[in-house]
PDB file of N, CA and C in Angstrom:
ATOM      1  N   MET A   1       0.829  -1.189   0.000  1.00  0.00           N
ATOM      2  CA  MET A   1       0.000   0.000   0.000  1.00  0.00           C
ATOM      3  C   MET A   1       0.874   1.254   0.000  1.00  0.00           C
ATOM      4  N   ASP A   2       1.917   1.267   0.812  1.00  0.00           N
ATOM      5  CA  ASP A   2       2.749   2.471   0.871  1.00  0.00           C
ATOM      6  C   ASP A   2       3.567   2.651  -0.403  1.00  0.00           C
ATOM      7  N   VAL A   3       3.850   1.577  -1.139  1.00  0.00           N
ATOM      8  CA  VAL A   3       4.555   1.705  -2.423  1.00  0.00           C
ATOM      9  C   VAL A   3       3.676   2.444  -3.421  1.00  0.00           C
ATOM     10  N   LEU A   4       2.401   2.107  -3.462  1.00  0.00           N
ATOM     11  CA  LEU A   4       1.480   2.794  -4.364  1.00  0.00           C
ATOM     12  C   LEU A   4       1.327   4.264  -3.984  1.00  0.00           C
ATOM     13  N   PHE A   5       1.233   4.534  -2.704  1.00  0.00           N
ATOM     14  CA  PHE A   5       1.110   5.917  -2.245  1.00  0.00           C
ATOM     15  C   PHE A   5       2.371   6.706  -2.583  1.00  0.00           C
ATOM     16  N   THR A   6       3.528   6.120  -2.359  1.00  0.00           N
ATOM     17  CA  THR A   6       4.784   6.800  -2.643  1.00  0.00           C
ATOM     18  C   THR A   6       4.930   7.069  -4.132  1.00  0.00           C
ATOM     19  N   TRP A   7       4.578   6.092  -4.965  1.00  0.00           N
ATOM     20  CA  TRP A   7       4.644   6.301  -6.412  1.00  0.00           C
ATOM     21  C   TRP A   7       3.666   7.393  -6.841  1.00  0.00           C
ATOM     22  N   SER A   8       2.499   7.439  -6.220  1.00  0.00           N
ATOM     23  CA  SER A   8       1.508   8.474  -6.538  1.00  0.00           C
ATOM     24  C   SER A   8       2.040   9.867  -6.212  1.00  0.00           C
ATOM     25  N   VAL A   9       2.696   9.997  -5.080  1.00  0.00           N
ATOM     26  CA  VAL A   9       3.283  11.286  -4.705  1.00  0.00           C
ATOM     27  C   VAL A   9       4.368  11.676  -5.706  1.00  0.00           C
ATOM     28  N   LEU A  10       5.200  10.724  -6.108  1.00  0.00           N
ATOM     29  CA  LEU A  10       6.226  10.993  -7.118  1.00  0.00           C
ATOM     30  C   LEU A  10       5.579  11.428  -8.428  1.00  0.00           C
ATOM     31  N   ALA A  11       4.516  10.766  -8.835  1.00  0.00           N
ATOM     32  CA  ALA A  11       3.837  11.107 -10.086  1.00  0.00           C
ATOM     33  C   ALA A  11       3.255  12.512 -10.031  1.00  0.00           C
ATOM     34  N   ILE A  12       2.642  12.863  -8.924  1.00  0.00           N
ATOM     35  CA  ILE A  12       2.075  14.207  -8.777  1.00  0.00           C
ATOM     36  C   ILE A  12       3.176  15.253  -8.832  1.00  0.00           C
ATOM     37  N   TRP A  13       4.302  14.990  -8.176  1.00  0.00           N
ATOM     38  CA  TRP A  13       5.431  15.918  -8.174  1.00  0.00           C
ATOM     39  C   TRP A  13       6.008  16.094  -9.579  1.00  0.00           C
ATOM     40  N   VAL A  14       6.188  14.976 -10.295  1.00  0.00           N
ATOM     41  CA  VAL A  14       6.745  15.025 -11.653  1.00  0.00           C
ATOM     42  C   VAL A  14       5.805  15.810 -12.577  1.00  0.00           C
ATOM     43  N   LEU A  15       4.527  15.531 -12.516  1.00  0.00           N
ATOM     44  CA  LEU A  15       3.565  16.234 -13.364  1.00  0.00           C
ATOM     45  C   LEU A  15       3.478  17.715 -13.025  1.00  0.00           C
ATOM     46  N   TYR A  16       3.533  18.039 -11.753  1.00  0.00           N
ATOM     47  CA  TYR A  16       3.493  19.438 -11.324  1.00  0.00           C
ATOM     48  C   TYR A  16       4.702  20.202 -11.855  1.00  0.00           C
ATOM     49  N   GLU A  17       5.891  19.645 -11.678  1.00  0.00           N
ATOM     50  CA  GLU A  17       7.088  20.341 -12.125  1.00  0.00           C
ATOM     51  C   GLU A  17       7.204  20.371 -13.643  1.00  0.00           C
ATOM     52  N   ALA A  18       6.601  19.409 -14.330  1.00  0.00           N
ATOM     53  CA  ALA A  18       6.588  19.450 -15.792  1.00  0.00           C
ATOM     54  C   ALA A  18       5.803  20.659 -16.276  1.00  0.00           C
ATOM     55  N   ARG A  19       4.725  20.978 -15.593  1.00  0.00           N
ATOM     56  CA  ARG A  19       3.907  22.128 -15.991  1.00  0.00           C
ATOM     57  C   ARG A  19       4.474  23.449 -15.504  1.00  0.00           C
ATOM     58  N   VAL A  20       4.936  23.486 -14.277  1.00  0.00           N
ATOM     59  CA  VAL A  20       5.385  24.752 -13.693  1.00  0.00           C
ATOM     60  C   VAL A  20       6.806  25.114 -14.118  1.00  0.00           C
ATOM     61  N   LYS A  21       7.722  24.161 -14.033  1.00  0.00           N
ATOM     62  CA  LYS A  21       9.130  24.442 -14.313  1.00  0.00           C
ATOM     63  C   LYS A  21       9.582  23.963 -15.685  1.00  0.00           C
ATOM     64  N   GLY A  22       8.747  23.214 -16.386  1.00  0.00           N
ATOM     65  CA  GLY A  22       9.098  22.735 -17.715  1.00  0.00           C
ATOM     66  C   GLY A  22      10.111  21.605 -17.721  1.00  0.00           C
ATOM     67  N   ILE A  23      10.139  20.819 -16.662  1.00  0.00           N
ATOM     68  CA  ILE A  23      11.045  19.667 -16.603  1.00  0.00           C
ATOM     69  C   ILE A  23      10.527  18.610 -17.579  1.00  0.00           C
ATOM     70  N   ARG A  24      11.398  18.181 -18.498  1.00  0.00           N
ATOM     71  CA  ARG A  24      10.998  17.212 -19.513  1.00  0.00           C
ATOM     72  C   ARG A  24      11.472  15.802 -19.152  1.00  0.00           C
ATOM     73  N   HIS A  25      10.863  14.833 -19.770  1.00  0.00           N
ATOM     74  CA  HIS A  25      11.218  13.412 -19.665  1.00  0.00           C
ATOM     75  C   HIS A  25      10.989  12.826 -18.265  1.00  0.00           C
ATOM     76  N   GLY A  26      10.074  13.391 -17.525  1.00  0.00           N
ATOM     77  CA  GLY A  26       9.750  12.839 -16.218  1.00  0.00           C
ATOM     78  C   GLY A  26       9.071  11.481 -16.299  1.00  0.00           C
ATOM     79  N   TRP A  27       8.487  11.184 -17.458  1.00  0.00           N
ATOM     80  CA  TRP A  27       7.824   9.894 -17.639  1.00  0.00           C
ATOM     81  C   TRP A  27       8.811   8.744 -17.495  1.00  0.00           C
ATOM     82  N   ILE A  28      10.079   9.000 -17.799  1.00  0.00           N
ATOM     83  CA  ILE A  28      11.094   7.952 -17.648  1.00  0.00           C
ATOM     84  C   ILE A  28      11.217   7.572 -16.174  1.00  0.00           C
ATOM     85  N   ALA A  29      11.233   8.576 -15.320  1.00  0.00           N
ATOM     86  CA  ALA A  29      11.329   8.318 -13.883  1.00  0.00           C
ATOM     87  C   ALA A  29      10.092   7.587 -13.377  1.00  0.00           C
ATOM     88  N   LEU A  30       8.928   7.937 -13.913  1.00  0.00           N
ATOM     89  CA  LEU A  30       7.704   7.263 -13.482  1.00  0.00           C
ATOM     90  C   LEU A  30       7.690   5.806 -13.934  1.00  0.00           C
ATOM     91  N   ALA A  31       8.174   5.541 -15.138  1.00  0.00           N
ATOM     92  CA  ALA A  31       8.244   4.153 -15.610  1.00  0.00           C
ATOM     93  C   ALA A  31       9.233   3.344 -14.778  1.00  0.00           C
ATOM     94  N   LEU A  32      10.374   3.949 -14.451  1.00  0.00           N
ATOM     95  CA  LEU A  32      11.344   3.246 -13.610  1.00  0.00           C
ATOM     96  C   LEU A  32      10.814   3.070 -12.186  1.00  0.00           C
ATOM     97  N   GLY A  33       9.946   3.945 -11.765  1.00  0.00           N
ATOM     98  CA  GLY A  33       9.340   3.811 -10.450  1.00  0.00           C
ATOM     99  C   GLY A  33       8.405   2.622 -10.355  1.00  0.00           C
ATOM    100  N   VAL A  34       7.885   2.192 -11.494  1.00  0.00           N
ATOM    101  CA  VAL A  34       6.982   1.037 -11.504  1.00  0.00           C
ATOM    102  C   VAL A  34       7.771  -0.267 -11.512  1.00  0.00           C
ATOM    103  N   VAL A  35       8.773  -0.373 -12.382  1.00  0.00           N
ATOM    104  CA  VAL A  35       9.472  -1.650 -12.570  1.00  0.00           C
ATOM    105  C   VAL A  35      10.532  -1.896 -11.499  1.00  0.00           C
ATOM    106  N   PRO A  36      11.670  -1.157 -11.460  1.00  0.00           N
ATOM    107  CA  PRO A  36      12.667  -1.461 -10.422  1.00  0.00           C
ATOM    108  C   PRO A  36      12.245  -1.002  -9.026  1.00  0.00           C
ATOM    109  N   GLY A  37      11.573   0.140  -8.955  1.00  0.00           N
ATOM    110  CA  GLY A  37      11.116   0.616  -7.657  1.00  0.00           C
ATOM    111  C   GLY A  37      11.071   2.128  -7.589  1.00  0.00           C
ATOM    112  N   VAL A  38      10.352   2.621  -6.619  1.00  0.00           N
ATOM    113  CA  VAL A  38      10.143   4.056  -6.470  1.00  0.00           C
ATOM    114  C   VAL A  38      11.455   4.778  -6.169  1.00  0.00           C
ATOM    115  N   ALA A  39      12.339   4.168  -5.409  1.00  0.00           N
ATOM    116  CA  ALA A  39      13.618   4.811  -5.085  1.00  0.00           C
ATOM    117  C   ALA A  39      14.444   5.041  -6.344  1.00  0.00           C
ATOM    118  N   THR A  40      14.408   4.096  -7.267  1.00  0.00           N
ATOM    119  CA  THR A  40      15.132   4.258  -8.530  1.00  0.00           C
ATOM    120  C   THR A  40      14.518   5.375  -9.357  1.00  0.00           C
ATOM    121  N   GLY A  41      13.223   5.402  -9.461  1.00  0.00           N
ATOM    122  CA  GLY A  41      12.538   6.466 -10.196  1.00  0.00           C
ATOM    123  C   GLY A  41      12.804   7.831  -9.599  1.00  0.00           C
ATOM    124  N   PHE A  42      12.816   7.910  -8.283  1.00  0.00           N
ATOM    125  CA  PHE A  42      13.085   9.178  -7.599  1.00  0.00           C
ATOM    126  C   PHE A  42      14.497   9.662  -7.893  1.00  0.00           C
ATOM    127  N   ALA A  43      15.461   8.760  -7.830  1.00  0.00           N
ATOM    128  CA  ALA A  43      16.853   9.135  -8.105  1.00  0.00           C
ATOM    129  C   ALA A  43      17.020   9.600  -9.546  1.00  0.00           C
ATOM    130  N   VAL A  44      16.410   8.900 -10.482  1.00  0.00           N
ATOM    131  CA  VAL A  44      16.506   9.296 -11.886  1.00  0.00           C
ATOM    132  C   VAL A  44      15.852  10.650 -12.102  1.00  0.00           C
ATOM    133  N   TYR A  45      14.720  10.889 -11.466  1.00  0.00           N
ATOM    134  CA  TYR A  45      14.054  12.180 -11.623  1.00  0.00           C
ATOM    135  C   TYR A  45      14.915  13.310 -11.074  1.00  0.00           C
ATOM    136  N   LEU A  46      15.546  13.094  -9.937  1.00  0.00           N
ATOM    137  CA  LEU A  46      16.415  14.138  -9.397  1.00  0.00           C
ATOM    138  C   LEU A  46      17.576  14.440 -10.331  1.00  0.00           C
ATOM    139  N   LEU A  47      18.127  13.413 -10.966  1.00  0.00           N
ATOM    140  CA  LEU A  47      19.220  13.630 -11.935  1.00  0.00           C
ATOM    141  C   LEU A  47      18.717  14.380 -13.165  1.00  0.00           C
ATOM    142  N   LEU A  48      17.554  14.006 -13.685  1.00  0.00           N
ATOM    143  CA  LEU A  48      16.974  14.728 -14.811  1.00  0.00           C
ATOM    144  C   LEU A  48      16.728  16.188 -14.470  1.00  0.00           C
ATOM    145  N   ARG A  49      16.189  16.409 -13.302  1.00  0.00           N
ATOM    146  CA  ARG A  49      15.871  17.761 -12.837  1.00  0.00           C
ATOM    147  C   ARG A  49      17.136  18.596 -12.672  1.00  0.00           C
ATOM    148  N   LEU A  50      18.163  18.001 -12.109  1.00  0.00           N
ATOM    149  CA  LEU A  50      19.434  18.704 -11.904  1.00  0.00           C
ATOM    150  C   LEU A  50      20.042  19.123 -13.233  1.00  0.00           C
ATOM    151  N   ASN A  51      20.025  18.229 -14.206  1.00  0.00           N
ATOM    152  CA  ASN A  51      20.597  18.542 -15.516  1.00  0.00           C
ATOM    153  C   ASN A  51      19.816  19.609 -16.272  1.00  0.00           C
ATOM    154  N   GLN A  52      18.520  19.686 -16.072  1.00  0.00           N
ATOM    155  CA  GLN A  52      17.701  20.641 -16.791  1.00  0.00           C
ATOM    156  C   GLN A  52      17.645  22.007 -16.121  1.00  0.00           C
ATOM    157  N   GLU A  53      17.885  22.073 -14.843  1.00  0.00           N
ATOM    158  CA  GLU A  53      17.857  23.352 -14.140  1.00  0.00           C
ATOM    159  C   GLU A  53      19.177  24.100 -14.246  1.00  0.00           C
ATOM    160  N   ALA A  54      20.235  23.403 -14.582  1.00  0.00           N
ATOM    161  CA  ALA A  54      21.561  24.036 -14.637  1.00  0.00           C
ATOM    162  C   ALA A  54      21.721  24.931 -15.827  1.00  0.00           C
TER     163      ALA A  54
END
């Protein structure tokens, strides 16, 4: 149950920042959050975000 909730929070965050900050390719992090796990998706999203904000 908490895995689904955590993935949902990650999805809401990714979608929000895609609209507000224009972060692209967040769907990759969401897909990785489903298969290997939410921690992997979160780490990938932070790396994507870091590269795009610089």
